[in-house]
PDB file of all heavy atoms in Angstrom:
ATOM      1  N   ARG A   1       0.834  -1.207   0.000  1.00  0.00           N
ATOM      2  CA  ARG A   1       0.000   0.000   0.000  1.00  0.00           C
ATOM      3  C   ARG A   1       0.875   1.266   0.000  1.00  0.00           C
ATOM      4  O   ARG A   1       0.646   2.190  -0.772  1.00  0.00           O
ATOM      5  CB  ARG A   1      -0.897  -0.020   1.238  1.00  0.00           C
ATOM      6  CG  ARG A   1      -1.900   1.122   1.314  1.00  0.00           C
ATOM      7  CD  ARG A   1      -2.502   1.176   2.718  1.00  0.00           C
ATOM      8  NE  ARG A   1      -2.992  -0.104   3.152  1.00  0.00           N
ATOM      9  CZ  ARG A   1      -4.270  -0.462   3.146  1.00  0.00           C
ATOM     10  NH1 ARG A   1      -5.182   0.376   2.722  1.00  0.00           N
ATOM     11  NH2 ARG A   1      -4.626  -1.658   3.582  1.00  0.00           N
ATOM     12  N   THR A   2       1.899   1.273   0.875  1.00  0.00           N
ATOM     13  CA  THR A   2       2.776   2.444   0.967  1.00  0.00           C
ATOM     14  C   THR A   2       3.626   2.589  -0.293  1.00  0.00           C
ATOM     15  O   THR A   2       3.855   3.700  -0.779  1.00  0.00           O
ATOM     16  CB  THR A   2       3.682   2.333   2.205  1.00  0.00           C
ATOM     17  OG1 THR A   2       2.862   2.227   3.373  1.00  0.00           O
ATOM     18  CG2 THR A   2       4.587   3.551   2.337  1.00  0.00           C
ATOM     19  N   LEU A   3       4.089   1.468  -0.841  1.00  0.00           N
ATOM     20  CA  LEU A   3       4.908   1.530  -2.055  1.00  0.00           C
ATOM     21  C   LEU A   3       4.104   2.109  -3.214  1.00  0.00           C
ATOM     22  O   LEU A   3       4.628   2.901  -4.013  1.00  0.00           O
ATOM     23  CB  LEU A   3       5.441   0.147  -2.420  1.00  0.00           C
ATOM     24  CG  LEU A   3       6.379   0.090  -3.631  1.00  0.00           C
ATOM     25  CD1 LEU A   3       7.593   0.995  -3.431  1.00  0.00           C
ATOM     26  CD2 LEU A   3       6.835  -1.340  -3.901  1.00  0.00           C
ATOM     27  N   ASP A   4       2.831   1.745  -3.329  1.00  0.00           N
ATOM     28  CA  ASP A   4       1.987   2.340  -4.375  1.00  0.00           C
ATOM     29  C   ASP A   4       1.909   3.854  -4.209  1.00  0.00           C
ATOM     30  O   ASP A   4       1.976   4.609  -5.183  1.00  0.00           O
ATOM     31  CB  ASP A   4       0.579   1.744  -4.317  1.00  0.00           C
ATOM     32  CG  ASP A   4       0.440   0.499  -5.192  1.00  0.00           C
ATOM     33  OD1 ASP A   4       1.452   0.082  -5.778  1.00  0.00           O
ATOM     34  OD2 ASP A   4      -0.674  -0.039  -5.283  1.00  0.00           O
ATOM     35  N   LYS A   5       1.753   4.290  -2.961  1.00  0.00           N
ATOM     36  CA  LYS A   5       1.693   5.732  -2.692  1.00  0.00           C
ATOM     37  C   LYS A   5       2.994   6.416  -3.101  1.00  0.00           C
ATOM     38  O   LYS A   5       2.978   7.480  -3.743  1.00  0.00           O
ATOM     39  CB  LYS A   5       1.411   5.962  -1.202  1.00  0.00           C
ATOM     40  CG  LYS A   5       1.320   7.423  -0.793  1.00  0.00           C
ATOM     41  CD  LYS A   5       0.114   8.117  -1.397  1.00  0.00           C
ATOM     42  CE  LYS A   5      -0.012   9.535  -0.874  1.00  0.00           C
ATOM     43  NZ  LYS A   5      -1.132  10.266  -1.515  1.00  0.00           N
ATOM     44  N   VAL A   6       4.120   5.804  -2.750  1.00  0.00           N
ATOM     45  CA  VAL A   6       5.423   6.373  -3.112  1.00  0.00           C
ATOM     46  C   VAL A   6       5.576   6.449  -4.629  1.00  0.00           C
ATOM     47  O   VAL A   6       5.988   7.474  -5.185  1.00  0.00           O
ATOM     48  CB  VAL A   6       6.573   5.535  -2.494  1.00  0.00           C
ATOM     49  CG1 VAL A   6       7.918   5.947  -3.073  1.00  0.00           C
ATOM     50  CG2 VAL A   6       6.587   5.694  -0.976  1.00  0.00           C
ATOM     51  N   MET A   7       5.236   5.355  -5.324  1.00  0.00           N
ATOM     52  CA  MET A   7       5.394   5.333  -6.784  1.00  0.00           C
ATOM     53  C   MET A   7       4.508   6.352  -7.484  1.00  0.00           C
ATOM     54  O   MET A   7       4.841   6.834  -8.568  1.00  0.00           O
ATOM     55  CB  MET A   7       5.096   3.929  -7.323  1.00  0.00           C
ATOM     56  CG  MET A   7       6.161   2.898  -7.014  1.00  0.00           C
ATOM     57  SD  MET A   7       5.939   1.356  -7.941  1.00  0.00           S
ATOM     58  CE  MET A   7       4.451   0.696  -7.168  1.00  0.00           C
ATOM     59  N   SER A   8       3.384   6.695  -6.891  1.00  0.00           N
ATOM     60  CA  SER A   8       2.441   7.614  -7.535  1.00  0.00           C
ATOM     61  C   SER A   8       3.032   9.000  -7.758  1.00  0.00           C
ATOM     62  O   SER A   8       2.573   9.742  -8.641  1.00  0.00           O
ATOM     63  CB  SER A   8       1.164   7.730  -6.697  1.00  0.00           C
ATOM     64  OG  SER A   8       1.390   8.470  -5.501  1.00  0.00           O
ATOM     65  N   PHE A   9       4.052   9.367  -6.980  1.00  0.00           N
ATOM     66  CA  PHE A   9       4.623  10.706  -7.098  1.00  0.00           C
ATOM     67  C   PHE A   9       5.299  10.931  -8.450  1.00  0.00           C
ATOM     68  O   PHE A   9       5.402  12.074  -8.907  1.00  0.00           O
ATOM     69  CB  PHE A   9       5.608  10.968  -5.954  1.00  0.00           C
ATOM     70  CG  PHE A   9       4.937  11.270  -4.648  1.00  0.00           C
ATOM     71  CD1 PHE A   9       4.567  10.246  -3.785  1.00  0.00           C
ATOM     72  CD2 PHE A   9       4.661  12.578  -4.268  1.00  0.00           C
ATOM     73  CE1 PHE A   9       3.947  10.506  -2.574  1.00  0.00           C
ATOM     74  CE2 PHE A   9       4.037  12.858  -3.066  1.00  0.00           C
ATOM     75  CZ  PHE A   9       3.666  11.816  -2.214  1.00  0.00           C
ATOM     76  N   GLY A  10       5.764   9.880  -9.100  1.00  0.00           N
ATOM     77  CA  GLY A  10       6.428  10.021 -10.400  1.00  0.00           C
ATOM     78  C   GLY A  10       5.510  10.600 -11.455  1.00  0.00           C
ATOM     79  O   GLY A  10       5.797  11.639 -12.071  1.00  0.00           O
ATOM     80  N   GLU A  11       4.366   9.955 -11.671  1.00  0.00           N
ATOM     81  CA  GLU A  11       3.404  10.438 -12.656  1.00  0.00           C
ATOM     82  C   GLU A  11       2.788  11.772 -12.234  1.00  0.00           C
ATOM     83  O   GLU A  11       2.559  12.656 -13.066  1.00  0.00           O
ATOM     84  CB  GLU A  11       2.294   9.400 -12.854  1.00  0.00           C
ATOM     85  CG  GLU A  11       2.569   8.347 -13.908  1.00  0.00           C
ATOM     86  CD  GLU A  11       3.635   7.337 -13.501  1.00  0.00           C
ATOM     87  OE1 GLU A  11       3.953   7.265 -12.296  1.00  0.00           O
ATOM     88  OE2 GLU A  11       4.151   6.628 -14.369  1.00  0.00           O
ATOM     89  N   TYR A  12       2.508  11.888 -10.946  1.00  0.00           N
ATOM     90  CA  TYR A  12       1.867  13.113 -10.438  1.00  0.00           C
ATOM     91  C   TYR A  12       2.733  14.340 -10.728  1.00  0.00           C
ATOM     92  O   TYR A  12       2.239  15.357 -11.226  1.00  0.00           O
ATOM     93  CB  TYR A  12       1.624  12.969  -8.927  1.00  0.00           C
ATOM     94  CG  TYR A  12       0.785  14.058  -8.323  1.00  0.00           C
ATOM     95  CD1 TYR A  12      -0.598  14.035  -8.427  1.00  0.00           C
ATOM     96  CD2 TYR A  12       1.379  15.114  -7.645  1.00  0.00           C
ATOM     97  CE1 TYR A  12      -1.380  15.051  -7.875  1.00  0.00           C
ATOM     98  CE2 TYR A  12       0.613  16.131  -7.087  1.00  0.00           C
ATOM     99  CZ  TYR A  12      -0.766  16.092  -7.198  1.00  0.00           C
ATOM    100  OH  TYR A  12      -1.529  17.093  -6.652  1.00  0.00           O
ATOM    101  N   LEU A  13       4.028  14.224 -10.448  1.00  0.00           N
ATOM    102  CA  LEU A  13       4.926  15.362 -10.655  1.00  0.00           C
ATOM    103  C   LEU A  13       5.163  15.645 -12.138  1.00  0.00           C
ATOM    104  O   LEU A  13       5.147  16.806 -12.563  1.00  0.00           O
ATOM    105  CB  LEU A  13       6.256  15.109  -9.941  1.00  0.00           C
ATOM    106  CG  LEU A  13       6.225  15.259  -8.417  1.00  0.00           C
ATOM    107  CD1 LEU A  13       7.467  14.642  -7.788  1.00  0.00           C
ATOM    108  CD2 LEU A  13       6.096  16.730  -8.014  1.00  0.00           C
ATOM    109  N   SER A  14       5.404  14.601 -12.929  1.00  0.00           N
ATOM    110  CA  SER A  14       5.694  14.840 -14.349  1.00  0.00           C
ATOM    111  C   SER A  14       4.499  15.488 -15.054  1.00  0.00           C
ATOM    112  O   SER A  14       4.665  16.434 -15.826  1.00  0.00           O
ATOM    113  CB  SER A  14       6.086  13.537 -15.053  1.00  0.00           C
ATOM    114  OG  SER A  14       4.982  12.668 -15.210  1.00  0.00           O
ATOM    115  N   CYS A  15       3.286  14.993 -14.778  1.00  0.00           N
ATOM    116  CA  CYS A  15       2.097  15.542 -15.447  1.00  0.00           C
ATOM    117  C   CYS A  15       1.797  16.961 -14.980  1.00  0.00           C
ATOM    118  O   CYS A  15       1.391  17.816 -15.778  1.00  0.00           O
ATOM    119  CB  CYS A  15       0.896  14.628 -15.212  1.00  0.00           C
ATOM    120  SG  CYS A  15       1.007  13.076 -16.113  1.00  0.00           S
ATOM    121  N   TYR A  16       2.005  17.217 -13.689  1.00  0.00           N
ATOM    122  CA  TYR A  16       1.794  18.584 -13.187  1.00  0.00           C
ATOM    123  C   TYR A  16       2.760  19.550 -13.869  1.00  0.00           C
ATOM    124  O   TYR A  16       2.370  20.638 -14.321  1.00  0.00           O
ATOM    125  CB  TYR A  16       1.978  18.637 -11.672  1.00  0.00           C
ATOM    126  CG  TYR A  16       1.908  20.041 -11.135  1.00  0.00           C
ATOM    127  CD1 TYR A  16       0.675  20.657 -10.929  1.00  0.00           C
ATOM    128  CD2 TYR A  16       3.071  20.777 -10.879  1.00  0.00           C
ATOM    129  CE1 TYR A  16       0.608  21.967 -10.462  1.00  0.00           C
ATOM    130  CE2 TYR A  16       3.009  22.085 -10.412  1.00  0.00           C
ATOM    131  CZ  TYR A  16       1.773  22.672 -10.213  1.00  0.00           C
ATOM    132  OH  TYR A  16       1.720  23.969  -9.765  1.00  0.00           O
ATOM    133  N   ILE A  17       4.030  19.162 -13.957  1.00  0.00           N
ATOM    134  CA  ILE A  17       5.046  20.030 -14.575  1.00  0.00           C
ATOM    135  C   ILE A  17       4.709  20.286 -16.043  1.00  0.00           C
ATOM    136  O   ILE A  17       4.810  21.421 -16.540  1.00  0.00           O
ATOM    137  CB  ILE A  17       6.450  19.411 -14.423  1.00  0.00           C
ATOM    138  CG1 ILE A  17       6.897  19.479 -12.947  1.00  0.00           C
ATOM    139  CG2 ILE A  17       7.466  20.114 -15.324  1.00  0.00           C
ATOM    140  CD1 ILE A  17       8.151  18.682 -12.636  1.00  0.00           C
ATOM    141  N   ILE A  18       4.288  19.242 -16.761  1.00  0.00           N
ATOM    142  CA  ILE A  18       3.941  19.401 -18.182  1.00  0.00           C
ATOM    143  C   ILE A  18       2.736  20.319 -18.338  1.00  0.00           C
ATOM    144  O   ILE A  18       2.728  21.234 -19.180  1.00  0.00           O
ATOM    145  CB  ILE A  18       3.672  18.022 -18.819  1.00  0.00           C
ATOM    146  CG1 ILE A  18       4.981  17.212 -18.897  1.00  0.00           C
ATOM    147  CG2 ILE A  18       3.062  18.172 -20.213  1.00  0.00           C
ATOM    148  CD1 ILE A  18       4.777  15.745 -19.178  1.00  0.00           C
ATOM    149  N   ALA A  19       1.699  20.098 -17.529  1.00  0.00           N
ATOM    150  CA  ALA A  19       0.491  20.913 -17.619  1.00  0.00           C
ATOM    151  C   ALA A  19       0.784  22.380 -17.297  1.00  0.00           C
ATOM    152  O   ALA A  19       0.302  23.293 -17.978  1.00  0.00           O
ATOM    153  CB  ALA A  19      -0.584  20.364 -16.685  1.00  0.00           C
ATOM    154  N   GLU A  20       1.578  22.624 -16.253  1.00  0.00           N
ATOM    155  CA  GLU A  20       1.919  23.997 -15.871  1.00  0.00           C
ATOM    156  C   GLU A  20       2.758  24.670 -16.949  1.00  0.00           C
ATOM    157  O   GLU A  20       2.580  25.854 -17.250  1.00  0.00           O
ATOM    158  CB  GLU A  20       2.664  23.993 -14.536  1.00  0.00           C
ATOM    159  CG  GLU A  20       1.785  23.809 -13.333  1.00  0.00           C
ATOM    160  CD  GLU A  20       0.780  24.940 -13.167  1.00  0.00           C
ATOM    161  OE1 GLU A  20       1.193  26.122 -13.178  1.00  0.00           O
ATOM    162  OE2 GLU A  20      -0.426  24.642 -13.058  1.00  0.00           O
ATOM    163  N   THR A  21       3.685  23.924 -17.529  1.00  0.00           N
ATOM    164  CA  THR A  21       4.515  24.479 -18.602  1.00  0.00           C
ATOM    165  C   THR A  21       3.653  24.908 -19.780  1.00  0.00           C
ATOM    166  O   THR A  21       3.813  26.006 -20.330  1.00  0.00           O
ATOM    167  CB  THR A  21       5.562  23.444 -19.067  1.00  0.00           C
ATOM    168  OG1 THR A  21       6.377  23.058 -17.953  1.00  0.00           O
ATOM    169  CG2 THR A  21       6.437  24.013 -20.167  1.00  0.00           C
ATOM    170  N   MET A  22       2.718  24.045 -20.167  1.00  0.00           N
ATOM    171  CA  MET A  22       1.834  24.371 -21.292  1.00  0.00           C
ATOM    172  C   MET A  22       0.966  25.589 -20.981  1.00  0.00           C
ATOM    173  O   MET A  22       0.776  26.455 -21.834  1.00  0.00           O
ATOM    174  CB  MET A  22       0.972  23.145 -21.624  1.00  0.00           C
ATOM    175  CG  MET A  22       1.788  21.998 -22.201  1.00  0.00           C
ATOM    176  SD  MET A  22       0.834  20.484 -22.433  1.00  0.00           S
ATOM    177  CE  MET A  22      -0.352  20.988 -23.656  1.00  0.00           C
ATOM    178  N   SER A  23       0.458  25.652 -19.755  1.00  0.00           N
ATOM    179  CA  SER A  23      -0.396  26.782 -19.368  1.00  0.00           C
ATOM    180  C   SER A  23       0.362  28.104 -19.435  1.00  0.00           C
ATOM    181  O   SER A  23      -0.173  29.121 -19.893  1.00  0.00           O
ATOM    182  CB  SER A  23      -0.944  26.561 -17.959  1.00  0.00           C
ATOM    183  OG  SER A  23      -1.813  25.451 -17.926  1.00  0.00           O
ATOM    184  N   THR A  24       1.634  28.103 -18.966  1.00  0.00           N
ATOM    185  CA  THR A  24       2.428  29.332 -18.997  1.00  0.00           C
ATOM    186  C   THR A  24       2.774  29.751 -20.427  1.00  0.00           C
ATOM    187  O   THR A  24       3.133  30.901 -20.661  1.00  0.00           O
ATOM    188  CB  THR A  24       3.746  29.178 -18.199  1.00  0.00           C
ATOM    189  OG1 THR A  24       4.540  28.123 -18.776  1.00  0.00           O
ATOM    190  CG2 THR A  24       3.458  28.863 -16.738  1.00  0.00           C
ATOM    191  N   ARG A  25       2.633  28.817 -21.364  1.00  0.00           N
ATOM    192  CA  ARG A  25       2.906  29.133 -22.780  1.00  0.00           C
ATOM    193  C   ARG A  25       1.618  29.420 -23.550  1.00  0.00           C
ATOM    194  O   ARG A  25       1.613  29.456 -24.782  1.00  0.00           O
ATOM    195  CB  ARG A  25       3.678  27.985 -23.429  1.00  0.00           C
ATOM    196  CG  ARG A  25       5.047  27.761 -22.812  1.00  0.00           C
ATOM    197  CD  ARG A  25       5.788  26.612 -23.456  1.00  0.00           C
ATOM    198  NE  ARG A  25       7.045  26.341 -22.752  1.00  0.00           N
ATOM    199  CZ  ARG A  25       7.917  25.399 -23.113  1.00  0.00           C
ATOM    200  NH1 ARG A  25       7.671  24.636 -24.177  1.00  0.00           N
ATOM    201  NH2 ARG A  25       9.027  25.206 -22.419  1.00  0.00           N
ATOM    202  N   GLY A  26       0.537  29.570 -22.823  1.00  0.00           N
ATOM    203  CA  GLY A  26      -0.716  29.954 -23.463  1.00  0.00           C
ATOM    204  C   GLY A  26      -1.519  28.813 -24.047  1.00  0.00           C
ATOM    205  O   GLY A  26      -2.468  29.038 -24.807  1.00  0.00           O
ATOM    206  N   ILE A  27      -1.177  27.567 -23.717  1.00  0.00           N
ATOM    207  CA  ILE A  27      -1.933  26.403 -24.196  1.00  0.00           C
ATOM    208  C   ILE A  27      -2.943  26.017 -23.124  1.00  0.00           C
ATOM    209  O   ILE A  27      -2.565  25.652 -22.011  1.00  0.00           O
ATOM    210  CB  ILE A  27      -0.991  25.207 -24.495  1.00  0.00           C
ATOM    211  CG1 ILE A  27       0.082  25.617 -25.507  1.00  0.00           C
ATOM    212  CG2 ILE A  27      -1.802  24.013 -25.013  1.00  0.00           C
ATOM    213  CD1 ILE A  27       1.183  24.585 -25.676  1.00  0.00           C
ATOM    214  N   LYS A  28      -4.205  26.122 -23.431  1.00  0.00           N
ATOM    215  CA  LYS A  28      -5.248  25.848 -22.454  1.00  0.00           C
ATOM    216  C   LYS A  28      -5.338  24.348 -22.155  1.00  0.00           C
ATOM    217  O   LYS A  28      -5.593  23.547 -23.056  1.00  0.00           O
ATOM    218  CB  LYS A  28      -6.595  26.367 -22.966  1.00  0.00           C
ATOM    219  CG  LYS A  28      -6.650  27.884 -23.096  1.00  0.00           C
ATOM    220  CD  LYS A  28      -8.000  28.346 -23.608  1.00  0.00           C
ATOM    221  CE  LYS A  28      -8.034  29.876 -23.730  1.00  0.00           C
ATOM    222  NZ  LYS A  28      -9.348  30.350 -24.247  1.00  0.00           N
ATOM    223  N   CYS A  29      -5.121  24.003 -20.908  1.00  0.00           N
ATOM    224  CA  CYS A  29      -5.161  22.589 -20.520  1.00  0.00           C
ATOM    225  C   CYS A  29      -5.427  22.474 -19.036  1.00  0.00           C
ATOM    226  O   CYS A  29      -5.349  23.465 -18.301  1.00  0.00           O
ATOM    227  CB  CYS A  29      -3.854  21.878 -20.884  1.00  0.00           C
ATOM    228  SG  CYS A  29      -2.412  22.482 -19.962  1.00  0.00           S
ATOM    229  N   GLU A  30      -5.735  21.255 -18.590  1.00  0.00           N
ATOM    230  CA  GLU A  30      -5.967  20.982 -17.177  1.00  0.00           C
ATOM    231  C   GLU A  30      -5.171  19.756 -16.756  1.00  0.00           C
ATOM    232  O   GLU A  30      -5.078  18.779 -17.513  1.00  0.00           O
ATOM    233  CB  GLU A  30      -7.460  20.730 -16.910  1.00  0.00           C
ATOM    234  CG  GLU A  30      -8.326  21.964 -17.025  1.00  0.00           C
ATOM    235  CD  GLU A  30      -9.794  21.665 -16.764  1.00  0.00           C
ATOM    236  OE1 GLU A  30     -10.251  20.544 -17.068  1.00  0.00           O
ATOM    237  OE2 GLU A  30     -10.486  22.559 -16.260  1.00  0.00           O
ATOM    238  N   PHE A  31      -4.609  19.811 -15.570  1.00  0.00           N
ATOM    239  CA  PHE A  31      -3.921  18.668 -14.971  1.00  0.00           C
ATOM    240  C   PHE A  31      -4.965  17.781 -14.306  1.00  0.00           C
ATOM    241  O   PHE A  31      -5.760  18.243 -13.486  1.00  0.00           O
ATOM    242  CB  PHE A  31      -2.901  19.174 -13.949  1.00  0.00           C
ATOM    243  CG  PHE A  31      -2.361  18.126 -13.016  1.00  0.00           C
ATOM    244  CD1 PHE A  31      -1.705  17.007 -13.507  1.00  0.00           C
ATOM    245  CD2 PHE A  31      -2.509  18.263 -11.636  1.00  0.00           C
ATOM    246  CE1 PHE A  31      -1.196  16.045 -12.643  1.00  0.00           C
ATOM    247  CE2 PHE A  31      -2.007  17.312 -10.766  1.00  0.00           C
ATOM    248  CZ  PHE A  31      -1.355  16.197 -11.276  1.00  0.00           C
ATOM    249  N   LEU A  32      -4.992  16.496 -14.676  1.00  0.00           N
ATOM    250  CA  LEU A  32      -5.977  15.565 -14.119  1.00  0.00           C
ATOM    251  C   LEU A  32      -5.280  14.395 -13.441  1.00  0.00           C
ATOM    252  O   LEU A  32      -4.555  13.624 -14.095  1.00  0.00           O
ATOM    253  CB  LEU A  32      -6.901  15.048 -15.226  1.00  0.00           C
ATOM    254  CG  LEU A  32      -7.887  13.938 -14.839  1.00  0.00           C
ATOM    255  CD1 LEU A  32      -8.771  14.360 -13.671  1.00  0.00           C
ATOM    256  CD2 LEU A  32      -8.732  13.532 -16.038  1.00  0.00           C
ATOM    257  N   ASP A  33      -5.479  14.277 -12.148  1.00  0.00           N
ATOM    258  CA  ASP A  33      -4.990  13.139 -11.375  1.00  0.00           C
ATOM    259  C   ASP A  33      -5.940  11.969 -11.630  1.00  0.00           C
ATOM    260  O   ASP A  33      -7.121  12.032 -11.280  1.00  0.00           O
ATOM    261  CB  ASP A  33      -4.979  13.508  -9.893  1.00  0.00           C
ATOM    262  CG  ASP A  33      -4.369  12.426  -9.004  1.00  0.00           C
ATOM    263  OD1 ASP A  33      -4.273  11.269  -9.464  1.00  0.00           O
ATOM    264  OD2 ASP A  33      -4.021  12.741  -7.851  1.00  0.00           O
ATOM    265  N   ALA A  34      -5.440  10.908 -12.266  1.00  0.00           N
ATOM    266  CA  ALA A  34      -6.290   9.776 -12.666  1.00  0.00           C
ATOM    267  C   ALA A  34      -6.956   9.081 -11.490  1.00  0.00           C
ATOM    268  O   ALA A  34      -7.915   8.316 -11.670  1.00  0.00           O
ATOM    269  CB  ALA A  34      -5.471   8.765 -13.473  1.00  0.00           C
ATOM    270  N   ARG A  35      -6.473   9.330 -10.278  1.00  0.00           N
ATOM    271  CA  ARG A  35      -7.111   8.744  -9.100  1.00  0.00           C
ATOM    272  C   ARG A  35      -8.554   9.231  -8.931  1.00  0.00           C
ATOM    273  O   ARG A  35      -9.360   8.575  -8.266  1.00  0.00           O
ATOM    274  CB  ARG A  35      -6.287   9.059  -7.848  1.00  0.00           C
ATOM    275  CG  ARG A  35      -5.003   8.247  -7.765  1.00  0.00           C
ATOM    276  CD  ARG A  35      -4.108   8.659  -6.620  1.00  0.00           C
ATOM    277  NE  ARG A  35      -3.442   9.940  -6.877  1.00  0.00           N
ATOM    278  CZ  ARG A  35      -2.355  10.354  -6.242  1.00  0.00           C
ATOM    279  NH1 ARG A  35      -1.813   9.589  -5.304  1.00  0.00           N
ATOM    280  NH2 ARG A  35      -1.796  11.507  -6.516  1.00  0.00           N
ATOM    281  N   LYS A  36      -8.877  10.345  -9.584  1.00  0.00           N
ATOM    282  CA  LYS A  36     -10.244  10.871  -9.508  1.00  0.00           C
ATOM    283  C   LYS A  36     -11.205  10.104 -10.414  1.00  0.00           C
ATOM    284  O   LYS A  36     -12.417  10.112 -10.166  1.00  0.00           O
ATOM    285  CB  LYS A  36     -10.251  12.353  -9.914  1.00  0.00           C
ATOM    286  CG  LYS A  36      -9.499  13.270  -8.974  1.00  0.00           C
ATOM    287  CD  LYS A  36      -9.553  14.700  -9.485  1.00  0.00           C
ATOM    288  CE  LYS A  36      -8.793  15.643  -8.558  1.00  0.00           C
ATOM    289  NZ  LYS A  36      -8.808  17.047  -9.070  1.00  0.00           N
ATOM    290  N   ILE A  37     -10.680   9.458 -11.459  1.00  0.00           N
ATOM    291  CA  ILE A  37     -11.573   8.869 -12.467  1.00  0.00           C
ATOM    292  C   ILE A  37     -11.395   7.368 -12.675  1.00  0.00           C
ATOM    293  O   ILE A  37     -12.250   6.727 -13.289  1.00  0.00           O
ATOM    294  CB  ILE A  37     -11.416   9.585 -13.831  1.00  0.00           C
ATOM    295  CG1 ILE A  37      -9.972   9.497 -14.338  1.00  0.00           C
ATOM    296  CG2 ILE A  37     -11.883  11.027 -13.742  1.00  0.00           C
ATOM    297  CD1 ILE A  37      -9.781   9.959 -15.761  1.00  0.00           C
ATOM    298  N   ILE A  38     -10.285   6.782 -12.188  1.00  0.00           N
ATOM    299  CA  ILE A  38     -10.077   5.337 -12.343  1.00  0.00           C
ATOM    300  C   ILE A  38     -10.081   4.690 -10.971  1.00  0.00           C
ATOM    301  O   ILE A  38      -9.223   4.977 -10.133  1.00  0.00           O
ATOM    302  CB  ILE A  38      -8.763   5.021 -13.089  1.00  0.00           C
ATOM    303  CG1 ILE A  38      -8.804   5.621 -14.504  1.00  0.00           C
ATOM    304  CG2 ILE A  38      -8.538   3.508 -13.163  1.00  0.00           C
ATOM    305  CD1 ILE A  38      -7.553   5.382 -15.312  1.00  0.00           C
ATOM    306  N   LYS A  39     -11.056   3.825 -10.738  1.00  0.00           N
ATOM    307  CA  LYS A  39     -11.228   3.164  -9.451  1.00  0.00           C
ATOM    308  C   LYS A  39     -10.910   1.674  -9.569  1.00  0.00           C
ATOM    309  O   LYS A  39     -11.224   1.032 -10.579  1.00  0.00           O
ATOM    310  CB  LYS A  39     -12.648   3.362  -8.930  1.00  0.00           C
ATOM    311  CG  LYS A  39     -13.001   4.820  -8.658  1.00  0.00           C
ATOM    312  CD  LYS A  39     -12.115   5.416  -7.559  1.00  0.00           C
ATOM    313  CE  LYS A  39     -12.385   6.888  -7.331  1.00  0.00           C
ATOM    314  NZ  LYS A  39     -11.549   7.443  -6.245  1.00  0.00           N
ATOM    315  N   THR A  40     -10.300   1.138  -8.511  1.00  0.00           N
ATOM    316  CA  THR A  40      -9.830  -0.251  -8.535  1.00  0.00           C
ATOM    317  C   THR A  40     -10.187  -0.969  -7.234  1.00  0.00           C
ATOM    318  O   THR A  40     -10.719  -0.362  -6.302  1.00  0.00           O
ATOM    319  CB  THR A  40      -8.299  -0.299  -8.700  1.00  0.00           C
ATOM    320  OG1 THR A  40      -7.691   0.199  -7.486  1.00  0.00           O
ATOM    321  CG2 THR A  40      -7.827   0.524  -9.880  1.00  0.00           C
ATOM    322  N   ASP A  41      -9.808  -2.256  -7.190  1.00  0.00           N
ATOM    323  CA  ASP A  41      -9.883  -2.997  -5.934  1.00  0.00           C
ATOM    324  C   ASP A  41      -8.671  -2.635  -5.073  1.00  0.00           C
ATOM    325  O   ASP A  41      -7.929  -1.709  -5.397  1.00  0.00           O
ATOM    326  CB  ASP A  41      -9.968  -4.506  -6.186  1.00  0.00           C
ATOM    327  CG  ASP A  41      -8.727  -5.065  -6.896  1.00  0.00           C
ATOM    328  OD1 ASP A  41      -7.717  -4.332  -7.020  1.00  0.00           O
ATOM    329  OD2 ASP A  41      -8.757  -6.230  -7.318  1.00  0.00           O
ATOM    330  N   GLU A  42      -8.453  -3.371  -4.003  1.00  0.00           N
ATOM    331  CA  GLU A  42      -7.356  -3.069  -3.080  1.00  0.00           C
ATOM    332  C   GLU A  42      -6.167  -4.005  -3.263  1.00  0.00           C
ATOM    333  O   GLU A  42      -5.414  -4.253  -2.323  1.00  0.00           O
ATOM    334  CB  GLU A  42      -7.869  -3.124  -1.642  1.00  0.00           C
ATOM    335  CG  GLU A  42      -8.917  -2.057  -1.349  1.00  0.00           C
ATOM    336  CD  GLU A  42      -9.377  -2.066   0.095  1.00  0.00           C
ATOM    337  OE1 GLU A  42      -8.908  -2.927   0.870  1.00  0.00           O
ATOM    338  OE2 GLU A  42     -10.211  -1.213   0.452  1.00  0.00           O
ATOM    339  N   GLN A  43      -5.957  -4.484  -4.469  1.00  0.00           N
ATOM    340  CA  GLN A  43      -4.802  -5.333  -4.767  1.00  0.00           C
ATOM    341  C   GLN A  43      -3.624  -4.414  -5.098  1.00  0.00           C
ATOM    342  O   GLN A  43      -3.293  -4.194  -6.254  1.00  0.00           O
ATOM    343  CB  GLN A  43      -5.106  -6.271  -5.936  1.00  0.00           C
ATOM    344  CG  GLN A  43      -4.042  -7.335  -6.159  1.00  0.00           C
ATOM    345  CD  GLN A  43      -4.454  -8.311  -7.249  1.00  0.00           C
ATOM    346  OE1 GLN A  43      -5.624  -8.592  -7.412  1.00  0.00           O
ATOM    347  NE2 GLN A  43      -3.477  -8.823  -7.977  1.00  0.00           N
ATOM    348  N   PHE A  44      -2.991  -3.908  -4.061  1.00  0.00           N
ATOM    349  CA  PHE A  44      -1.928  -2.925  -4.234  1.00  0.00           C
ATOM    350  C   PHE A  44      -0.753  -3.522  -5.013  1.00  0.00           C
ATOM    351  O   PHE A  44      -0.376  -4.666  -4.810  1.00  0.00           O
ATOM    352  CB  PHE A  44      -1.467  -2.401  -2.875  1.00  0.00           C
ATOM    353  CG  PHE A  44      -2.567  -1.707  -2.114  1.00  0.00           C
ATOM    354  CD1 PHE A  44      -3.278  -2.372  -1.122  1.00  0.00           C
ATOM    355  CD2 PHE A  44      -2.912  -0.405  -2.428  1.00  0.00           C
ATOM    356  CE1 PHE A  44      -4.298  -1.738  -0.435  1.00  0.00           C
ATOM    357  CE2 PHE A  44      -3.933   0.243  -1.753  1.00  0.00           C
ATOM    358  CZ  PHE A  44      -4.631  -0.429  -0.758  1.00  0.00           C
TER     359      PHE A  44
END
């Protein structure tokens, strides 16, 4: 469970950085954390 949480920071940070970079360059976009839309069982 904890290892999944630790690993999640990789995608979270890269996508946030990409989305923010695009926004500062005038490209309209939104950063979406997939945890909001993809639900699973507890098989960590």
